[in-house]
N, C-alpha and C. Protein backbone atom coordinates (compact mmCIF):
# COMPACT_ATOMS: atom_id res chain seq x y z
N MET A 1 -51.25 43.23 13.30
CA MET A 1 -50.10 43.46 12.24
C MET A 1 -49.11 43.06 13.16
N ASP A 2 -47.98 42.07 13.17
CA ASP A 2 -46.85 42.06 14.00
C ASP A 2 -45.56 42.71 13.42
N VAL A 3 -45.26 43.74 14.17
CA VAL A 3 -44.16 44.50 14.16
C VAL A 3 -43.26 44.46 15.08
N ARG A 4 -42.13 44.32 14.80
CA ARG A 4 -40.86 43.90 15.86
C ARG A 4 -40.20 45.33 16.01
N VAL A 5 -39.17 45.53 17.02
CA VAL A 5 -38.30 46.50 16.96
C VAL A 5 -36.94 46.05 16.02
N GLY A 6 -36.59 46.94 15.26
CA GLY A 6 -35.58 46.74 14.34
C GLY A 6 -36.42 46.39 12.73
N ASP A 7 -37.62 46.21 12.82
CA ASP A 7 -38.21 46.17 11.58
C ASP A 7 -38.31 47.57 10.52
N ILE A 8 -38.58 47.55 9.41
CA ILE A 8 -38.83 48.72 8.40
C ILE A 8 -39.81 48.54 7.98
N ILE A 9 -40.72 49.65 8.28
CA ILE A 9 -42.19 49.51 7.98
C ILE A 9 -42.35 50.90 6.86
N ASP A 10 -43.10 50.23 5.79
CA ASP A 10 -43.47 51.18 4.51
C ASP A 10 -45.01 51.94 5.10
N MET A 11 -44.95 53.25 4.94
CA MET A 11 -46.29 53.72 5.21
C MET A 11 -47.12 54.12 4.17
N LYS A 12 -48.11 54.38 4.41
CA LYS A 12 -49.08 54.45 2.86
C LYS A 12 -48.92 56.24 2.88
N LYS A 13 -48.64 57.27 3.39
CA LYS A 13 -48.17 58.59 3.81
C LYS A 13 -46.62 58.87 3.61
N PRO A 14 -46.04 59.51 2.71
CA PRO A 14 -44.59 59.71 3.37
C PRO A 14 -44.43 60.85 4.30
N HIS A 15 -43.15 61.01 4.79
CA HIS A 15 -42.65 62.17 5.77
C HIS A 15 -42.40 63.25 4.40
N PRO A 16 -42.52 64.47 5.12
CA PRO A 16 -42.06 65.38 4.48
C PRO A 16 -40.73 65.96 3.35
N CYS A 17 -40.15 64.63 3.86
CA CYS A 17 -38.68 64.66 3.26
C CYS A 17 -38.98 64.01 1.55
N GLY A 18 -40.02 63.43 1.93
CA GLY A 18 -40.09 62.19 0.65
C GLY A 18 -40.05 60.61 0.77
N SER A 19 -39.96 59.97 1.69
CA SER A 19 -39.06 58.86 2.34
C SER A 19 -40.55 58.23 2.90
N LYS A 20 -40.92 57.07 2.56
CA LYS A 20 -42.21 56.34 3.17
C LYS A 20 -41.75 55.28 4.06
N SER A 21 -40.49 55.16 4.03
CA SER A 21 -39.84 54.02 4.88
C SER A 21 -39.25 54.64 6.62
N PHE A 22 -39.96 53.86 7.21
CA PHE A 22 -39.54 53.78 8.87
C PHE A 22 -38.82 52.90 9.52
N SER A 23 -37.81 53.01 10.26
CA SER A 23 -37.48 51.86 11.22
C SER A 23 -38.01 52.04 12.70
N VAL A 24 -38.31 50.88 13.17
CA VAL A 24 -39.19 50.83 14.56
C VAL A 24 -38.04 50.63 15.51
N LEU A 25 -37.88 51.82 16.15
CA LEU A 25 -37.19 51.64 17.65
C LEU A 25 -37.48 50.92 18.65
N ARG A 26 -38.92 51.35 19.15
CA ARG A 26 -39.49 51.03 20.10
C ARG A 26 -40.92 50.71 20.01
N ILE A 27 -41.73 50.12 21.01
CA ILE A 27 -42.94 49.41 20.63
C ILE A 27 -43.80 49.52 21.87
N GLY A 28 -44.85 49.75 22.25
CA GLY A 28 -45.54 49.75 23.56
C GLY A 28 -46.85 50.57 23.27
N MET A 29 -47.47 51.52 23.93
CA MET A 29 -48.77 52.10 23.59
C MET A 29 -48.63 53.25 22.30
N ASP A 30 -47.25 53.61 22.44
CA ASP A 30 -46.84 54.69 21.34
C ASP A 30 -45.58 53.87 20.56
N PHE A 31 -45.20 54.17 19.14
CA PHE A 31 -44.49 53.60 18.33
C PHE A 31 -43.12 54.68 18.46
N LYS A 32 -41.74 54.36 18.24
CA LYS A 32 -41.14 55.57 18.41
C LYS A 32 -40.09 54.99 17.04
N ILE A 33 -40.40 56.01 15.91
CA ILE A 33 -39.89 55.29 14.62
C ILE A 33 -38.86 56.14 13.82
N ARG A 34 -38.46 56.21 13.19
CA ARG A 34 -37.02 56.94 12.73
C ARG A 34 -37.27 57.09 10.92
N CYS A 35 -37.21 57.98 10.62
CA CYS A 35 -37.29 58.28 9.13
C CYS A 35 -35.96 57.62 8.44
N CYS A 36 -36.24 56.76 7.35
CA CYS A 36 -35.32 56.54 6.88
C CYS A 36 -34.37 57.44 5.76
N GLY A 37 -34.96 58.60 5.48
CA GLY A 37 -34.64 59.39 4.52
C GLY A 37 -33.92 60.38 5.36
N CYS A 38 -34.53 60.96 6.26
CA CYS A 38 -33.75 62.30 7.11
C CYS A 38 -33.42 62.09 8.39
N GLY A 39 -33.72 60.90 8.81
CA GLY A 39 -33.19 60.62 10.25
C GLY A 39 -34.09 61.21 11.26
N HIS A 40 -35.33 61.74 10.96
CA HIS A 40 -36.16 62.06 12.37
C HIS A 40 -36.59 61.42 12.99
N GLU A 41 -36.56 61.32 14.35
CA GLU A 41 -37.41 60.69 15.32
C GLU A 41 -38.75 60.74 15.59
N ILE A 42 -39.74 59.86 15.57
CA ILE A 42 -40.88 60.29 15.50
C ILE A 42 -42.06 59.53 16.82
N MET A 43 -42.80 59.71 17.74
CA MET A 43 -43.87 58.82 18.54
C MET A 43 -44.91 59.08 18.18
N VAL A 44 -45.81 58.09 17.51
CA VAL A 44 -46.75 58.14 17.09
C VAL A 44 -47.62 56.71 17.84
N ALA A 45 -49.13 57.21 18.11
CA ALA A 45 -49.93 56.51 18.85
C ALA A 45 -50.29 55.03 18.20
N ARG A 46 -50.16 53.95 18.47
CA ARG A 46 -50.34 52.35 18.11
C ARG A 46 -51.34 52.41 17.13
N SER A 47 -52.71 53.12 17.45
CA SER A 47 -53.81 52.83 16.73
C SER A 47 -53.56 53.89 15.24
N LYS A 48 -52.59 54.83 15.38
CA LYS A 48 -52.24 55.74 14.41
C LYS A 48 -51.80 54.91 13.48
N ILE A 49 -50.42 54.33 14.03
CA ILE A 49 -49.61 53.01 13.08
C ILE A 49 -50.17 52.16 12.18
N THR A 50 -50.93 51.31 13.40
CA THR A 50 -51.32 50.21 12.72
C THR A 50 -52.12 50.30 11.25
N LYS A 51 -53.13 51.36 11.46
CA LYS A 51 -53.67 51.52 10.09
C LYS A 51 -53.14 52.32 9.13
N ASN A 52 -52.09 52.75 9.08
CA ASN A 52 -51.29 53.69 8.36
C ASN A 52 -50.19 52.56 7.58
N ILE A 53 -49.76 51.49 8.25
CA ILE A 53 -48.74 50.70 7.64
C ILE A 53 -49.26 49.97 6.64
N LYS A 54 -48.33 50.01 5.75
CA LYS A 54 -48.53 49.46 3.94
C LYS A 54 -47.65 47.89 3.88
N THR A 55 -46.11 47.98 4.40
CA THR A 55 -45.56 46.81 4.22
C THR A 55 -44.74 46.53 5.41
N VAL A 56 -44.38 45.60 6.11
CA VAL A 56 -43.61 45.41 7.13
C VAL A 56 -42.29 44.28 6.27
N HIS A 57 -41.06 45.05 6.65
CA HIS A 57 -39.87 44.35 5.88
C HIS A 57 -39.03 43.75 7.40
N ARG A 58 -39.03 42.71 7.87
CA ARG A 58 -38.63 41.89 8.68
C ARG A 58 -37.13 41.70 8.73
N THR A 59 -36.40 42.55 9.83
CA THR A 59 -34.78 42.02 9.41
C THR A 59 -34.55 40.65 9.82
N GLU A 60 -33.55 40.12 9.32
CA GLU A 60 -32.87 38.99 9.48
C GLU A 60 -32.36 38.58 10.56
N GLU A 61 -32.84 37.57 11.40
CA GLU A 61 -32.37 36.79 12.73
C GLU A 61 -31.75 36.16 12.90
N PRO A 62 -30.55 35.91 13.67
CA PRO A 62 -29.41 34.93 13.46
C PRO A 62 -29.77 33.61 14.26
């Protein structure tokens, strides 16, 4: 799955605040994502993220 920094990803399971949307802050062995609902930042292993992503919303590039 092609995910880039700045993309908004929808996950299969919601964050405890109720939001399923997260913005991607950093990509590597781990993904750093920020909840679009409450702003909480989370570090998640690549293997867990890739199987839990539902959709990717690409940000517009100039």
